[in-house]
C-alpha atoms as a PDB file:
ATOM      1  CA  UNK A   1      98.117 -81.837  51.515  1.00  0.00           C
ATOM      2  CA  UNK A   2     101.594 -83.846  51.862  1.00  0.00           C
ATOM      3  CA  UNK A   3     102.939 -83.597  47.985  1.00  0.00           C
ATOM      4  CA  UNK A   4     101.086 -81.333  45.699  1.00  0.00           C
ATOM      5  CA  UNK A   5     102.285 -83.824  42.917  1.00  0.00           C
ATOM      6  CA  UNK A   6     101.863 -87.791  43.730  1.00  0.00           C
ATOM      7  CA  UNK A   7     103.670 -89.534  40.809  1.00  0.00           C
ATOM      8  CA  UNK A   8     101.259 -92.455  42.215  1.00  0.00           C
ATOM      9  CA  UNK A   9      98.291 -92.393  40.321  1.00  0.00           C
ATOM     10  CA  UNK A  10      96.820 -94.341  43.839  1.00  0.00           C
ATOM     11  CA  UNK A  11      97.225 -91.630  45.666  1.00  0.00           C
ATOM     12  CA  UNK A  12      95.775 -88.919  43.487  1.00  0.00           C
ATOM     13  CA  UNK A  13      92.550 -90.595  42.871  1.00  0.00           C
ATOM     14  CA  UNK A  14      92.258 -91.275  46.811  1.00  0.00           C
ATOM     15  CA  UNK A  15      89.595 -89.552  49.055  1.00  0.00           C
ATOM     16  CA  UNK A  16      91.944 -88.327  51.362  1.00  0.00           C
ATOM     17  CA  UNK A  17      94.417 -86.556  48.509  1.00  0.00           C
ATOM     18  CA  UNK A  18      91.622 -85.343  46.197  1.00  0.00           C
ATOM     19  CA  UNK A  19      89.831 -83.912  49.803  1.00  0.00           C
ATOM     20  CA  UNK A  20      92.882 -82.265  51.130  1.00  0.00           C
ATOM     21  CA  UNK A  21      92.951 -80.198  47.670  1.00  0.00           C
ATOM     22  CA  UNK A  22      89.598 -79.259  46.758  1.00  0.00           C
ATOM     23  CA  UNK A  23      88.871 -78.327  50.207  1.00  0.00           C
ATOM     24  CA  UNK A  24      90.787 -75.292  49.756  1.00  0.00           C
ATOM     25  CA  UNK A  25      88.123 -73.867  47.228  1.00  0.00           C
ATOM     26  CA  UNK A  26      85.270 -75.753  48.590  1.00  0.00           C
ATOM     27  CA  UNK A  27      84.907 -76.034  52.113  1.00  0.00           C
ATOM     28  CA  UNK A  28      81.820 -78.621  51.930  1.00  0.00           C
ATOM     29  CA  UNK A  29      83.895 -80.773  49.779  1.00  0.00           C
ATOM     30  CA  UNK A  30      84.401 -84.345  51.456  1.00  0.00           C
ATOM     31  CA  UNK A  31      85.898 -86.675  49.338  1.00  0.00           C
ATOM     32  CA  UNK A  32      84.515 -90.550  49.259  1.00  0.00           C
ATOM     33  CA  UNK A  33      85.359 -92.293  46.353  1.00  0.00           C
ATOM     34  CA  UNK A  34      86.345 -92.137  42.784  1.00  0.00           C
ATOM     35  CA  UNK A  35      85.559 -93.904  39.619  1.00  0.00           C
ATOM     36  CA  UNK A  36      87.905 -94.117  37.043  1.00  0.00           C
ATOM     37  CA  UNK A  37      86.049 -93.696  33.169  1.00  0.00           C
ATOM     38  CA  UNK A  38      89.118 -93.944  31.170  1.00  0.00           C
ATOM     39  CA  UNK A  39      92.922 -94.534  30.818  1.00  0.00           C
ATOM     40  CA  UNK A  40      94.807 -93.350  28.050  1.00  0.00           C
ATOM     41  CA  UNK A  41      98.774 -93.807  28.297  1.00  0.00           C
ATOM     42  CA  UNK A  42     101.636 -92.551  26.211  1.00  0.00           C
ATOM     43  CA  UNK A  43     104.278 -91.142  28.351  1.00  0.00           C
ATOM     44  CA  UNK A  44     102.267 -89.355  30.464  1.00  0.00           C
ATOM     45  CA  UNK A  45      98.662 -90.472  31.388  1.00  0.00           C
ATOM     46  CA  UNK A  46      95.737 -89.340  31.593  1.00  0.00           C
ATOM     47  CA  UNK A  47      92.842 -90.710  33.494  1.00  0.00           C
ATOM     48  CA  UNK A  48      89.583 -89.217  33.356  1.00  0.00           C
ATOM     49  CA  UNK A  49      87.349 -90.091  36.434  1.00  0.00           C
ATOM     50  CA  UNK A  50      84.517 -89.319  38.651  1.00  0.00           C
ATOM     51  CA  UNK A  51      84.237 -87.836  42.297  1.00  0.00           C
ATOM     52  CA  UNK A  52      81.692 -88.876  44.565  1.00  0.00           C
ATOM     53  CA  UNK A  53      81.264 -86.726  47.815  1.00  0.00           C
ATOM     54  CA  UNK A  54      79.522 -86.918  51.221  1.00  0.00           C
ATOM     55  CA  UNK A  55      76.852 -84.366  50.270  1.00  0.00           C
ATOM     56  CA  UNK A  56      75.777 -81.919  47.963  1.00  0.00           C
ATOM     57  CA  UNK A  57      79.180 -79.829  46.815  1.00  0.00           C
ATOM     58  CA  UNK A  58      79.403 -77.210  43.472  1.00  0.00           C
ATOM     59  CA  UNK A  59      82.933 -79.688  43.840  1.00  0.00           C
ATOM     60  CA  UNK A  60      83.854 -80.915  40.588  1.00  0.00           C
ATOM     61  CA  UNK A  61      82.644 -84.300  39.821  1.00  0.00           C
ATOM     62  CA  UNK A  62      84.385 -85.242  36.447  1.00  0.00           C
ATOM     63  CA  UNK A  63      88.203 -84.687  36.034  1.00  0.00           C
ATOM     64  CA  UNK A  64      90.964 -85.532  34.312  1.00  0.00           C
ATOM     65  CA  UNK A  65      94.863 -85.831  35.888  1.00  0.00           C
ATOM     66  CA  UNK A  66      97.512 -85.785  33.797  1.00  0.00           C
ATOM     67  CA  UNK A  67     100.834 -87.431  35.519  1.00  0.00           C
ATOM     68  CA  UNK A  68     103.859 -89.815  34.845  1.00  0.00           C
ATOM     69  CA  UNK A  69     102.663 -92.237  36.540  1.00  0.00           C
ATOM     70  CA  UNK A  70     103.694 -95.164  35.183  1.00  0.00           C
ATOM     71  CA  UNK A  71     107.513 -95.670  36.458  1.00  0.00           C
ATOM     72  CA  UNK A  72     109.258 -97.353  33.086  1.00  0.00           C
ATOM     73  CA  UNK A  73     108.178 -94.004  31.527  1.00  0.00           C
ATOM     74  CA  UNK A  74     108.712 -91.583  34.393  1.00  0.00           C
ATOM     75  CA  UNK A  75     110.720 -87.747  33.361  1.00  0.00           C
ATOM     76  CA  UNK A  76     110.979 -84.469  35.294  1.00  0.00           C
ATOM     77  CA  UNK A  77     109.318 -82.577  32.346  1.00  0.00           C
ATOM     78  CA  UNK A  78     107.722 -79.691  34.177  1.00  0.00           C
ATOM     79  CA  UNK A  79     107.045 -76.868  31.242  1.00  0.00           C
ATOM     80  CA  UNK A  80     103.045 -78.282  31.423  1.00  0.00           C
ATOM     81  CA  UNK A  81     102.101 -77.853  34.630  1.00  0.00           C
ATOM     82  CA  UNK A  82     104.039 -74.858  35.145  1.00  0.00           C
ATOM     83  CA  UNK A  83     102.200 -73.631  32.048  1.00  0.00           C
ATOM     84  CA  UNK A  84      98.628 -74.018  33.836  1.00  0.00           C
ATOM     85  CA  UNK A  85      99.920 -72.543  37.111  1.00  0.00           C
ATOM     86  CA  UNK A  86     101.572 -69.420  36.000  1.00  0.00           C
ATOM     87  CA  UNK A  87     100.170 -68.012  32.634  1.00  0.00           C
ATOM     88  CA  UNK A  88      97.002 -70.022  31.558  1.00  0.00           C
ATOM     89  CA  UNK A  89      95.017 -67.831  33.350  1.00  0.00           C
ATOM     90  CA  UNK A  90      96.652 -64.633  32.218  1.00  0.00           C
ATOM     91  CA  UNK A  91      95.631 -66.157  28.164  1.00  0.00           C
ATOM     92  CA  UNK A  92      93.677 -65.040  26.175  1.00  0.00           C
ATOM     93  CA  UNK A  93      93.443 -68.526  25.067  1.00  0.00           C
ATOM     94  CA  UNK A  94      90.714 -71.762  24.710  1.00  0.00           C
ATOM     95  CA  UNK A  95      92.711 -74.570  27.478  1.00  0.00           C
ATOM     96  CA  UNK A  96      90.996 -77.125  30.059  1.00  0.00           C
ATOM     97  CA  UNK A  97      89.952 -74.914  33.181  1.00  0.00           C
ATOM     98  CA  UNK A  98      92.856 -76.144  35.316  1.00  0.00           C
ATOM     99  CA  UNK A  99      91.928 -77.318  39.090  1.00  0.00           C
ATOM    100  CA  UNK A 100      95.274 -77.919  40.032  1.00  0.00           C
ATOM    101  CA  UNK A 101      99.032 -77.677  38.892  1.00  0.00           C
ATOM    102  CA  UNK A 102     102.318 -78.325  40.417  1.00  0.00           C
ATOM    103  CA  UNK A 103     105.574 -79.945  40.185  1.00  0.00           C
ATOM    104  CA  UNK A 104     107.173 -82.239  43.076  1.00  0.00           C
ATOM    105  CA  UNK A 105     110.376 -80.035  42.992  1.00  0.00           C
ATOM    106  CA  UNK A 106     112.359 -83.336  45.582  1.00  0.00           C
ATOM    107  CA  UNK A 107     111.372 -85.478  41.974  1.00  0.00           C
ATOM    108  CA  UNK A 108     110.269 -82.744  39.371  1.00  0.00           C
ATOM    109  CA  UNK A 109     107.085 -84.932  38.774  1.00  0.00           C
ATOM    110  CA  UNK A 110     104.532 -82.661  37.630  1.00  0.00           C
ATOM    111  CA  UNK A 111     100.844 -83.171  37.808  1.00  0.00           C
ATOM    112  CA  UNK A 112      97.845 -80.921  36.519  1.00  0.00           C
ATOM    113  CA  UNK A 113      94.217 -81.872  37.575  1.00  0.00           C
ATOM    114  CA  UNK A 114      91.531 -80.928  35.397  1.00  0.00           C
ATOM    115  CA  UNK A 115      87.958 -80.433  34.806  1.00  0.00           C
ATOM    116  CA  UNK A 116      86.799 -83.322  32.154  1.00  0.00           C
ATOM    117  CA  UNK A 117      85.836 -81.286  29.175  1.00  0.00           C
ATOM    118  CA  UNK A 118      84.653 -84.921  27.387  1.00  0.00           C
ATOM    119  CA  UNK A 119      81.815 -85.017  30.000  1.00  0.00           C
ATOM    120  CA  UNK A 120      81.150 -81.638  29.476  1.00  0.00           C
ATOM    121  CA  UNK A 121      80.485 -82.614  25.316  1.00  0.00           C
ATOM    122  CA  UNK A 122      83.923 -81.493  24.279  1.00  0.00           C
ATOM    123  CA  UNK A 123      85.417 -83.782  21.752  1.00  0.00           C
ATOM    124  CA  UNK A 124      88.992 -84.520  21.607  1.00  0.00           C
ATOM    125  CA  UNK A 125      90.744 -85.044  17.995  1.00  0.00           C
ATOM    126  CA  UNK A 126      92.805 -87.561  16.666  1.00  0.00           C
ATOM    127  CA  UNK A 127      96.222 -86.742  15.022  1.00  0.00           C
ATOM    128  CA  UNK A 128      95.026 -88.386  11.706  1.00  0.00           C
ATOM    129  CA  UNK A 129      91.800 -86.802  11.859  1.00  0.00           C
ATOM    130  CA  UNK A 130      90.948 -84.528   8.753  1.00  0.00           C
ATOM    131  CA  UNK A 131      91.139 -81.015   8.980  1.00  0.00           C
ATOM    132  CA  UNK A 132      89.195 -77.881   6.784  1.00  0.00           C
ATOM    133  CA  UNK A 133      91.035 -74.695   5.740  1.00  0.00           C
ATOM    134  CA  UNK A 134      88.089 -72.839   7.575  1.00  0.00           C
ATOM    135  CA  UNK A 135      89.141 -75.183  10.798  1.00  0.00           C
ATOM    136  CA  UNK A 136      92.874 -74.271  10.281  1.00  0.00           C
ATOM    137  CA  UNK A 137      91.592 -70.770  10.261  1.00  0.00           C
ATOM    138  CA  UNK A 138      89.622 -71.195  14.181  1.00  0.00           C
ATOM    139  CA  UNK A 139      93.017 -72.385  15.739  1.00  0.00           C
ATOM    140  CA  UNK A 140      95.109 -69.793  13.759  1.00  0.00           C
ATOM    141  CA  UNK A 141      92.900 -67.052  15.369  1.00  0.00           C
ATOM    142  CA  UNK A 142      93.934 -69.130  18.962  1.00  0.00           C
ATOM    143  CA  UNK A 143      97.428 -69.086  18.120  1.00  0.00           C
ATOM    144  CA  UNK A 144      97.511 -64.988  17.536  1.00  0.00           C
ATOM    145  CA  UNK A 145      95.659 -64.666  20.303  1.00  0.00           C
ATOM    146  CA  UNK A 146      98.513 -66.653  22.223  1.00  0.00           C
ATOM    147  CA  UNK A 147     101.048 -65.051  20.861  1.00  0.00           C
ATOM    148  CA  UNK A 148      99.722 -61.445  20.988  1.00  0.00           C
ATOM    149  CA  UNK A 149      99.559 -61.524  24.439  1.00  0.00           C
ATOM    150  CA  UNK A 150     102.978 -62.609  24.811  1.00  0.00           C
ATOM    151  CA  UNK A 151     104.342 -60.832  21.939  1.00  0.00           C
ATOM    152  CA  UNK A 152     108.110 -59.393  22.859  1.00  0.00           C
ATOM    153  CA  UNK A 153     107.899 -59.927  27.003  1.00  0.00           C
ATOM    154  CA  UNK A 154     104.511 -58.236  27.516  1.00  0.00           C
ATOM    155  CA  UNK A 155     103.592 -60.859  29.822  1.00  0.00           C
ATOM    156  CA  UNK A 156     106.075 -59.933  32.614  1.00  0.00           C
ATOM    157  CA  UNK A 157     105.253 -63.489  34.508  1.00  0.00           C
ATOM    158  CA  UNK A 158     106.885 -65.258  31.666  1.00  0.00           C
ATOM    159  CA  UNK A 159     110.296 -63.815  32.469  1.00  0.00           C
ATOM    160  CA  UNK A 160     113.054 -66.498  33.151  1.00  0.00           C
ATOM    161  CA  UNK A 161     110.065 -69.627  32.412  1.00  0.00           C
ATOM    162  CA  UNK A 162     109.567 -71.723  29.164  1.00  0.00           C
ATOM    163  CA  UNK A 163     113.343 -71.210  27.429  1.00  0.00           C
ATOM    164  CA  UNK A 164     113.376 -72.004  23.338  1.00  0.00           C
ATOM    165  CA  UNK A 165     113.603 -75.550  22.325  1.00  0.00           C
ATOM    166  CA  UNK A 166     114.966 -75.833  18.766  1.00  0.00           C
ATOM    167  CA  UNK A 167     118.923 -76.052  20.123  1.00  0.00           C
ATOM    168  CA  UNK A 168     118.425 -78.150  22.927  1.00  0.00           C
ATOM    169  CA  UNK A 169     116.312 -80.596  20.886  1.00  0.00           C
ATOM    170  CA  UNK A 170     118.749 -80.878  18.356  1.00  0.00           C
ATOM    171  CA  UNK A 171     120.937 -82.739  20.914  1.00  0.00           C
ATOM    172  CA  UNK A 172     118.563 -85.594  21.979  1.00  0.00           C
ATOM    173  CA  UNK A 173     119.954 -88.039  19.038  1.00  0.00           C
ATOM    174  CA  UNK A 174     123.207 -88.546  17.518  1.00  0.00           C
ATOM    175  CA  UNK A 175     123.783 -87.912  13.793  1.00  0.00           C
ATOM    176  CA  UNK A 176     124.045 -91.836  13.532  1.00  0.00           C
ATOM    177  CA  UNK A 177     120.914 -92.227  15.938  1.00  0.00           C
ATOM    178  CA  UNK A 178     118.939 -89.748  14.178  1.00  0.00           C
ATOM    179  CA  UNK A 179     119.669 -90.691  10.405  1.00  0.00           C
ATOM    180  CA  UNK A 180     118.245 -94.278  11.222  1.00  0.00           C
ATOM    181  CA  UNK A 181     115.278 -93.120  12.597  1.00  0.00           C
ATOM    182  CA  UNK A 182     114.436 -91.069   9.280  1.00  0.00           C
ATOM    183  CA  UNK A 183     115.406 -94.437   7.676  1.00  0.00           C
ATOM    184  CA  UNK A 184     113.183 -96.492   9.562  1.00  0.00           C
ATOM    185  CA  UNK A 185     109.913 -96.144   7.534  1.00  0.00           C
ATOM    186  CA  UNK A 186     108.753 -92.877   8.650  1.00  0.00           C
ATOM    187  CA  UNK A 187     108.296 -91.540   5.451  1.00  0.00           C
ATOM    188  CA  UNK A 188     109.390 -93.523   2.594  1.00  0.00           C
ATOM    189  CA  UNK A 189     108.300 -91.086  -0.273  1.00  0.00           C
ATOM    190  CA  UNK A 190     110.864 -87.989   0.292  1.00  0.00           C
ATOM    191  CA  UNK A 191     113.925 -87.665  -0.879  1.00  0.00           C
ATOM    192  CA  UNK A 192     117.321 -88.082   0.182  1.00  0.00           C
ATOM    193  CA  UNK A 193     118.233 -84.838   0.792  1.00  0.00           C
ATOM    194  CA  UNK A 194     115.470 -84.526   3.257  1.00  0.00           C
ATOM    195  CA  UNK A 195     116.544 -87.475   4.818  1.00  0.00           C
ATOM    196  CA  UNK A 196     119.711 -85.644   6.154  1.00  0.00           C
ATOM    197  CA  UNK A 197     119.818 -86.303   9.847  1.00  0.00           C
ATOM    198  CA  UNK A 198     123.452 -83.319   9.394  1.00  0.00           C
ATOM    199  CA  UNK A 199     120.872 -81.181   7.356  1.00  0.00           C
ATOM    200  CA  UNK A 200     118.452 -81.847   9.853  1.00  0.00           C
ATOM    201  CA  UNK A 201     120.522 -80.658  13.047  1.00  0.00           C
ATOM    202  CA  UNK A 202     121.870 -77.775  11.644  1.00  0.00           C
ATOM    203  CA  UNK A 203     118.101 -77.007  10.356  1.00  0.00           C
ATOM    204  CA  UNK A 204     117.698 -76.534  14.293  1.00  0.00           C
ATOM    205  CA  UNK A 205     120.520 -74.667  15.298  1.00  0.00           C
ATOM    206  CA  UNK A 206     119.497 -72.216  12.060  1.00  0.00           C
ATOM    207  CA  UNK A 207     115.979 -71.785  13.586  1.00  0.00           C
ATOM    208  CA  UNK A 208     117.527 -70.773  16.744  1.00  0.00           C
ATOM    209  CA  UNK A 209     119.837 -68.379  15.563  1.00  0.00           C
ATOM    210  CA  UNK A 210     116.388 -66.782  13.987  1.00  0.00           C
ATOM    211  CA  UNK A 211     114.742 -66.459  17.321  1.00  0.00           C
ATOM    212  CA  UNK A 212     117.637 -64.161  18.328  1.00  0.00           C
ATOM    213  CA  UNK A 213     116.358 -61.621  15.165  1.00  0.00           C
ATOM    214  CA  UNK A 214     113.268 -61.115  15.144  1.00  0.00           C
ATOM    215  CA  UNK A 215     110.394 -60.900  17.387  1.00  0.00           C
ATOM    216  CA  UNK A 216     109.427 -63.922  19.858  1.00  0.00           C
ATOM    217  CA  UNK A 217     106.857 -64.692  22.794  1.00  0.00           C
ATOM    218  CA  UNK A 218     105.512 -68.064  24.087  1.00  0.00           C
ATOM    219  CA  UNK A 219     104.803 -70.577  21.390  1.00  0.00           C
ATOM    220  CA  UNK A 220     102.608 -73.749  21.867  1.00  0.00           C
ATOM    221  CA  UNK A 221     105.210 -76.057  20.166  1.00  0.00           C
ATOM    222  CA  UNK A 222     103.087 -79.369  19.850  1.00  0.00           C
ATOM    223  CA  UNK A 223      99.777 -78.133  17.598  1.00  0.00           C
ATOM    224  CA  UNK A 224      98.712 -81.248  15.542  1.00  0.00           C
ATOM    225  CA  UNK A 225      95.082 -81.979  15.491  1.00  0.00           C
ATOM    226  CA  UNK A 226      95.568 -84.135  18.409  1.00  0.00           C
ATOM    227  CA  UNK A 227      96.155 -81.651  20.649  1.00  0.00           C
ATOM    228  CA  UNK A 228      93.254 -79.815  19.606  1.00  0.00           C
ATOM    229  CA  UNK A 229      89.757 -79.980  21.111  1.00  0.00           C
ATOM    230  CA  UNK A 230      86.693 -78.935  20.372  1.00  0.00           C
ATOM    231  CA  UNK A 231      83.168 -77.166  22.420  1.00  0.00           C
ATOM    232  CA  UNK A 232      79.757 -78.648  21.253  1.00  0.00           C
ATOM    233  CA  UNK A 233      79.628 -75.146  18.711  1.00  0.00           C
ATOM    234  CA  UNK A 234      82.864 -76.323  17.367  1.00  0.00           C
ATOM    235  CA  UNK A 235      85.357 -73.733  18.889  1.00  0.00           C
ATOM    236  CA  UNK A 236      88.744 -75.175  19.304  1.00  0.00           C
ATOM    237  CA  UNK A 237      90.725 -75.069  22.146  1.00  0.00           C
ATOM    238  CA  UNK A 238      94.320 -75.861  22.398  1.00  0.00           C
ATOM    239  CA  UNK A 239      96.079 -79.097  24.836  1.00  0.00           C
ATOM    240  CA  UNK A 240      98.837 -80.920  25.725  1.00  0.00           C
ATOM    241  CA  UNK A 241     101.413 -77.991  26.500  1.00  0.00           C
ATOM    242  CA  UNK A 242     104.271 -80.235  27.288  1.00  0.00           C
ATOM    243  CA  UNK A 243     106.972 -78.393  25.249  1.00  0.00           C
ATOM    244  CA  UNK A 244     105.558 -74.649  25.449  1.00  0.00           C
ATOM    245  CA  UNK A 245     108.405 -72.058  24.568  1.00  0.00           C
ATOM    246  CA  UNK A 246     109.561 -68.766  23.715  1.00  0.00           C
ATOM    247  CA  UNK A 247     109.910 -68.432  19.885  1.00  0.00           C
ATOM    248  CA  UNK A 248     109.376 -67.009  16.554  1.00  0.00           C
ATOM    249  CA  UNK A 249     105.211 -67.091  15.635  1.00  0.00           C
ATOM    250  CA  UNK A 250     106.523 -69.435  12.535  1.00  0.00           C
ATOM    251  CA  UNK A 251     107.222 -71.972  14.384  1.00  0.00           C
ATOM    252  CA  UNK A 252     103.915 -72.705  15.651  1.00  0.00           C
ATOM    253  CA  UNK A 253     101.974 -71.595  11.962  1.00  0.00           C
ATOM    254  CA  UNK A 254     103.822 -73.608  10.480  1.00  0.00           C
ATOM    255  CA  UNK A 255     103.982 -76.769  12.389  1.00  0.00           C
ATOM    256  CA  UNK A 256     100.200 -76.513  12.617  1.00  0.00           C
ATOM    257  CA  UNK A 257      99.463 -75.708   8.773  1.00  0.00           C
ATOM    258  CA  UNK A 258     101.806 -78.937   7.633  1.00  0.00           C
ATOM    259  CA  UNK A 259     100.538 -80.991   9.808  1.00  0.00           C
ATOM    260  CA  UNK A 260      96.040 -80.567   9.914  1.00  0.00           C
ATOM    261  CA  UNK A 261      95.920 -80.465   6.226  1.00  0.00           C
ATOM    262  CA  UNK A 262      96.243 -82.714   3.587  1.00  0.00           C
ATOM    263  CA  UNK A 263      99.387 -81.880   1.834  1.00  0.00           C
ATOM    264  CA  UNK A 264      97.187 -81.044  -1.505  1.00  0.00           C
ATOM    265  CA  UNK A 265      94.938 -79.066   0.424  1.00  0.00           C
ATOM    266  CA  UNK A 266      98.093 -77.149   1.861  1.00  0.00           C
ATOM    267  CA  UNK A 267      99.162 -76.366  -1.178  1.00  0.00           C
ATOM    268  CA  UNK A 268      96.316 -74.575  -1.715  1.00  0.00           C
ATOM    269  CA  UNK A 269      95.747 -72.862   1.300  1.00  0.00           C
ATOM    270  CA  UNK A 270      98.811 -72.054   3.209  1.00  0.00           C
ATOM    271  CA  UNK A 271      99.572 -68.910   1.512  1.00  0.00           C
ATOM    272  CA  UNK A 272      96.248 -67.405   2.035  1.00  0.00           C
ATOM    273  CA  UNK A 273      96.420 -68.925   5.949  1.00  0.00           C
ATOM    274  CA  UNK A 274      99.473 -67.004   6.946  1.00  0.00           C
ATOM    275  CA  UNK A 275      97.899 -63.920   5.814  1.00  0.00           C
ATOM    276  CA  UNK A 276      94.889 -65.243   7.708  1.00  0.00           C
ATOM    277  CA  UNK A 277      97.535 -65.182  10.908  1.00  0.00           C
ATOM    278  CA  UNK A 278      99.241 -61.681  10.173  1.00  0.00           C
ATOM    279  CA  UNK A 279      95.491 -60.069  10.057  1.00  0.00           C
ATOM    280  CA  UNK A 280      94.737 -61.395  13.112  1.00  0.00           C
ATOM    281  CA  UNK A 281      97.833 -61.204  14.969  1.00  0.00           C
ATOM    282  CA  UNK A 282      97.197 -57.148  13.597  1.00  0.00           C
ATOM    283  CA  UNK A 283      93.614 -57.321  14.949  1.00  0.00           C
ATOM    284  CA  UNK A 284      94.951 -57.596  18.802  1.00  0.00           C
ATOM    285  CA  UNK A 285      97.278 -54.740  18.274  1.00  0.00           C
ATOM    286  CA  UNK A 286     100.259 -56.251  16.741  1.00  0.00           C
ATOM    287  CA  UNK A 287     102.233 -54.734  14.200  1.00  0.00           C
ATOM    288  CA  UNK A 288     103.131 -58.446  12.071  1.00  0.00           C
ATOM    289  CA  UNK A 289     105.902 -58.806  10.206  1.00  0.00           C
ATOM    290  CA  UNK A 290     106.293 -57.916   6.574  1.00  0.00           C
ATOM    291  CA  UNK A 291     104.231 -60.096   4.210  1.00  0.00           C
ATOM    292  CA  UNK A 292     107.171 -61.342   2.183  1.00  0.00           C
ATOM    293  CA  UNK A 293     109.299 -62.352   5.610  1.00  0.00           C
ATOM    294  CA  UNK A 294     106.405 -63.651   7.196  1.00  0.00           C
ATOM    295  CA  UNK A 295     106.025 -66.359   4.171  1.00  0.00           C
ATOM    296  CA  UNK A 296     110.196 -66.900   4.079  1.00  0.00           C
ATOM    297  CA  UNK A 297     109.719 -67.519   7.611  1.00  0.00           C
ATOM    298  CA  UNK A 298     107.127 -69.533   7.498  1.00  0.00           C
ATOM    299  CA  UNK A 299     108.746 -71.465   4.797  1.00  0.00           C
ATOM    300  CA  UNK A 300     112.021 -71.981   6.894  1.00  0.00           C
ATOM    301  CA  UNK A 301     110.470 -73.042  10.119  1.00  0.00           C
ATOM    302  CA  UNK A 302     108.752 -76.099   8.770  1.00  0.00           C
ATOM    303  CA  UNK A 303     111.942 -78.215   9.753  1.00  0.00           C
ATOM    304  CA  UNK A 304     111.156 -78.016  13.103  1.00  0.00           C
ATOM    305  CA  UNK A 305     107.943 -79.752  12.896  1.00  0.00           C
ATOM    306  CA  UNK A 306     109.730 -82.881  10.715  1.00  0.00           C
ATOM    307  CA  UNK A 307     112.894 -82.950  13.852  1.00  0.00           C
ATOM    308  CA  UNK A 308     110.464 -83.281  16.395  1.00  0.00           C
ATOM    309  CA  UNK A 309     108.724 -86.149  14.449  1.00  0.00           C
ATOM    310  CA  UNK A 310     111.929 -87.740  13.515  1.00  0.00           C
ATOM    311  CA  UNK A 311     113.290 -88.192  17.408  1.00  0.00           C
ATOM    312  CA  UNK A 312     109.696 -89.585  18.176  1.00  0.00           C
ATOM    313  CA  UNK A 313     109.234 -93.112  19.651  1.00  0.00           C
ATOM    314  CA  UNK A 314     106.572 -93.378  22.408  1.00  0.00           C
ATOM    315  CA  UNK A 315     103.957 -92.931  20.083  1.00  0.00           C
ATOM    316  CA  UNK A 316     101.650 -95.050  18.147  1.00  0.00           C
ATOM    317  CA  UNK A 317     103.477 -96.072  14.547  1.00  0.00           C
ATOM    318  CA  UNK A 318     100.759 -94.704  12.424  1.00  0.00           C
ATOM    319  CA  UNK A 319     100.605 -91.549  13.621  1.00  0.00           C
ATOM    320  CA  UNK A 320     104.089 -91.191  13.263  1.00  0.00           C
ATOM    321  CA  UNK A 321     104.330 -92.268   9.906  1.00  0.00           C
ATOM    322  CA  UNK A 322     101.122 -89.859   9.006  1.00  0.00           C
ATOM    323  CA  UNK A 323     102.540 -86.898  10.507  1.00  0.00           C
ATOM    324  CA  UNK A 324     105.904 -87.190   9.659  1.00  0.00           C
ATOM    325  CA  UNK A 325     105.557 -87.762   6.215  1.00  0.00           C
ATOM    326  CA  UNK A 326     103.140 -84.690   5.897  1.00  0.00           C
ATOM    327  CA  UNK A 327     105.840 -82.579   7.917  1.00  0.00           C
ATOM    328  CA  UNK A 328     108.853 -84.439   5.067  1.00  0.00           C
ATOM    329  CA  UNK A 329     106.798 -83.148   1.997  1.00  0.00           C
ATOM    330  CA  UNK A 330     106.082 -79.492   3.077  1.00  0.00           C
ATOM    331  CA  UNK A 331     109.958 -79.404   4.014  1.00  0.00           C
ATOM    332  CA  UNK A 332     110.867 -81.099   0.302  1.00  0.00           C
ATOM    333  CA  UNK A 333     108.068 -78.795  -1.257  1.00  0.00           C
ATOM    334  CA  UNK A 334     109.595 -75.854  -0.221  1.00  0.00           C
ATOM    335  CA  UNK A 335     113.159 -76.453  -0.024  1.00  0.00           C
ATOM    336  CA  UNK A 336     113.361 -75.334   3.500  1.00  0.00           C
ATOM    337  CA  UNK A 337     116.363 -76.981   4.118  1.00  0.00           C
ATOM    338  CA  UNK A 338     118.495 -74.685   1.599  1.00  0.00           C
ATOM    339  CA  UNK A 339     115.943 -71.359   2.629  1.00  0.00           C
ATOM    340  CA  UNK A 340     118.131 -72.337   5.756  1.00  0.00           C
ATOM    341  CA  UNK A 341     121.394 -72.680   4.197  1.00  0.00           C
ATOM    342  CA  UNK A 342     121.845 -75.853   5.486  1.00  0.00           C
END
């Protein structure tokens, strides 16, 4: 196999490339053809396809390829491929079974080839779908398992990989550019105190500084409902590890709860759900932070998610408005920018 991460979709779907890849683990796998079932394109492209073989084999017959196949949207983003290549198999976290993950070191293009969970009966959720508190508790269980397994350097394979992102993300837009996006209607009901690019960029710096004085672990970084799938028994799994990073546990917990729950449900249940997360962390053998400090960190980390959706462009507008509004309401209700003294 000449290129482990082709940026040409036709190559990835070709019998020649797939045979070279799959025959490494399945010596009898000779691919004769592929049939695309579904193509989903945002920035990255996901292609679900069926695989035909020359003879019976235990090689997978339903796969999903994720790469940056559209030349207009192509970028060098390797974090997710590195996650599956280096880390996923070490973690007690539900993720799609990965068949192949690689990065073309010449171009930086990343490719992930997974078993197609839709064909196995899994349901991939919509970012705007309603989520109940008990469902949030189940995904917090997954986050607690992820965080505990990587707590303060417990997993040596992570050394030097997946750096923190808040400070670097804050440099993606100028103050003027960010202010223009905050005022483009994506969260119209929120006060001007939260619609403030200077404060939001400063908050990302303050969040980055908090990692210097808190325990850190591997965090997903983008766990809204659209990055969750459910197996037929209702068990949740986590997908789209494109902004995986080292950070404080509260980054994941705050972002997740504020995006998946209706604002009124969030206000009713967030304290008990944070307590649930801390209990699950303890069950995995980690001494959780002091409860009062944990509650402060949860509230202080809410601006991370707001910033992420304030800078987002290449997503359907209704999703941008839905998630930005939820996060902004949570930031405003908890006065998170004041907590960070920005």
